Amino acid sequence: MSRLNQFAREAAAALLRMAKTTKNPTVAAGLVQRAADLKDRTGELPAIDVEAMAEEPPKPLTKN
């Protein structure tokens, strides 16, 4: 899998996790749409288990 596809897959999963946590249906729909746009731009992505990824602790944005 190319690095771009891996990044797109992780970004789409993050968007879906965010959509799952919001209580605003408009925001959730927008996040899901963005995840779908990423999939369309990179072609068919392998299936991922979003539920399992949601259980993983978030990665820090900066190095400590």
C-alpha atoms as a PDB file:
ATOM      1  CA  MET A   1       0.000   0.000   0.000  1.00  0.00           C
ATOM      2  CA  SER A   2       1.433   3.381  -0.927  1.00  0.00           C
ATOM      3  CA  ARG A   3       2.159   5.992   1.691  1.00  0.00           C
ATOM      4  CA  LEU A   4      -0.578   8.260   0.274  1.00  0.00           C
ATOM      5  CA  ASN A   5      -3.166   5.487   0.532  1.00  0.00           C
ATOM      6  CA  GLN A   6      -2.076   4.719   4.102  1.00  0.00           C
ATOM      7  CA  PHE A   7      -2.394   8.390   5.053  1.00  0.00           C
ATOM      8  CA  ALA A   8      -5.803   8.661   3.366  1.00  0.00           C
ATOM      9  CA  ARG A   9      -6.985   5.518   5.142  1.00  0.00           C
ATOM     10  CA  GLU A  10      -5.910   6.847   8.546  1.00  0.00           C
ATOM     11  CA  ALA A  11      -7.416  10.278   7.837  1.00  0.00           C
ATOM     12  CA  ALA A  12     -10.731   8.749   6.739  1.00  0.00           C
ATOM     13  CA  ALA A  13     -10.817   6.593   9.879  1.00  0.00           C
ATOM     14  CA  ALA A  14     -10.138   9.664  12.031  1.00  0.00           C
ATOM     15  CA  LEU A  15     -12.966  11.543  10.320  1.00  0.00           C
ATOM     16  CA  LEU A  16     -15.332   8.643  10.933  1.00  0.00           C
ATOM     17  CA  ARG A  17     -14.326   8.467  14.607  1.00  0.00           C
ATOM     18  CA  MET A  18     -14.998  12.202  14.954  1.00  0.00           C
ATOM     19  CA  ALA A  19     -18.373  11.807  13.229  1.00  0.00           C
ATOM     20  CA  LYS A  20     -19.277   9.095  15.705  1.00  0.00           C
ATOM     21  CA  THR A  21     -18.519  11.301  18.718  1.00  0.00           C
ATOM     22  CA  THR A  22     -20.376  14.458  17.697  1.00  0.00           C
ATOM     23  CA  LYS A  23     -23.971  15.091  18.703  1.00  0.00           C
ATOM     24  CA  ASN A  24     -24.569  17.494  15.810  1.00  0.00           C
ATOM     25  CA  PRO A  25     -25.989  15.527  12.840  1.00  0.00           C
ATOM     26  CA  THR A  26     -24.934  18.212  10.347  1.00  0.00           C
ATOM     27  CA  VAL A  27     -21.313  18.031  11.496  1.00  0.00           C
ATOM     28  CA  ALA A  28     -21.413  14.222  11.488  1.00  0.00           C
ATOM     29  CA  ALA A  29     -22.757  14.182   7.925  1.00  0.00           C
ATOM     30  CA  GLY A  30     -20.027  16.580   6.805  1.00  0.00           C
ATOM     31  CA  LEU A  31     -17.291  14.451   8.367  1.00  0.00           C
ATOM     32  CA  VAL A  32     -18.650  11.282   6.762  1.00  0.00           C
ATOM     33  CA  GLN A  33     -18.802  13.089   3.409  1.00  0.00           C
ATOM     34  CA  ARG A  34     -15.157  14.157   3.755  1.00  0.00           C
ATOM     35  CA  ALA A  35     -14.166  10.561   4.516  1.00  0.00           C
ATOM     36  CA  ALA A  36     -16.033   9.428   1.392  1.00  0.00           C
ATOM     37  CA  ASP A  37     -14.266  12.117  -0.652  1.00  0.00           C
ATOM     38  CA  LEU A  38     -10.879  10.802   0.518  1.00  0.00           C
ATOM     39  CA  LYS A  39     -11.870   7.298  -0.548  1.00  0.00           C
ATOM     40  CA  ASP A  40     -12.968   8.534  -3.960  1.00  0.00           C
ATOM     41  CA  ARG A  41      -9.726  10.459  -4.530  1.00  0.00           C
ATOM     42  CA  THR A  42      -7.445   7.563  -3.668  1.00  0.00           C
ATOM     43  CA  GLY A  43      -9.431   4.761  -5.246  1.00  0.00           C
ATOM     44  CA  GLU A  44     -10.647   1.679  -3.436  1.00  0.00           C
ATOM     45  CA  LEU A  45      -9.153   1.473   0.039  1.00  0.00           C
ATOM     46  CA  PRO A  46      -8.937  -1.802   1.921  1.00  0.00           C
ATOM     47  CA  ALA A  47     -11.559  -2.297   4.584  1.00  0.00           C
ATOM     48  CA  ILE A  48     -10.627  -1.122   8.055  1.00  0.00           C
ATOM     49  CA  ASP A  49     -12.175  -1.876  11.411  1.00  0.00           C
ATOM     50  CA  VAL A  50     -13.236   1.580  12.635  1.00  0.00           C
ATOM     51  CA  GLU A  51     -14.555   0.129  15.904  1.00  0.00           C
ATOM     52  CA  ALA A  52     -11.167  -1.385  16.753  1.00  0.00           C
ATOM     53  CA  MET A  53      -9.402   1.855  15.858  1.00  0.00           C
ATOM     54  CA  ALA A  54     -11.764   3.819  18.114  1.00  0.00           C
ATOM     55  CA  GLU A  55     -10.552   1.753  21.059  1.00  0.00           C
ATOM     56  CA  GLU A  56      -6.903   2.647  20.403  1.00  0.00           C
ATOM     57  CA  PRO A  57      -5.569   5.640  22.339  1.00  0.00           C
ATOM     58  CA  PRO A  58      -5.087   8.712  20.152  1.00  0.00           C
ATOM     59  CA  LYS A  59      -1.573   9.383  18.894  1.00  0.00           C
ATOM     60  CA  PRO A  60      -0.001  12.612  20.168  1.00  0.00           C
ATOM     61  CA  LEU A  61       0.212  15.419  17.637  1.00  0.00           C
ATOM     62  CA  THR A  62       3.654  16.485  18.822  1.00  0.00           C
ATOM     63  CA  LYS A  63       6.699  14.722  20.185  1.00  0.00           C
ATOM     64  CA  ASN A  64       7.150  14.915  23.918  1.00  0.00           C
END
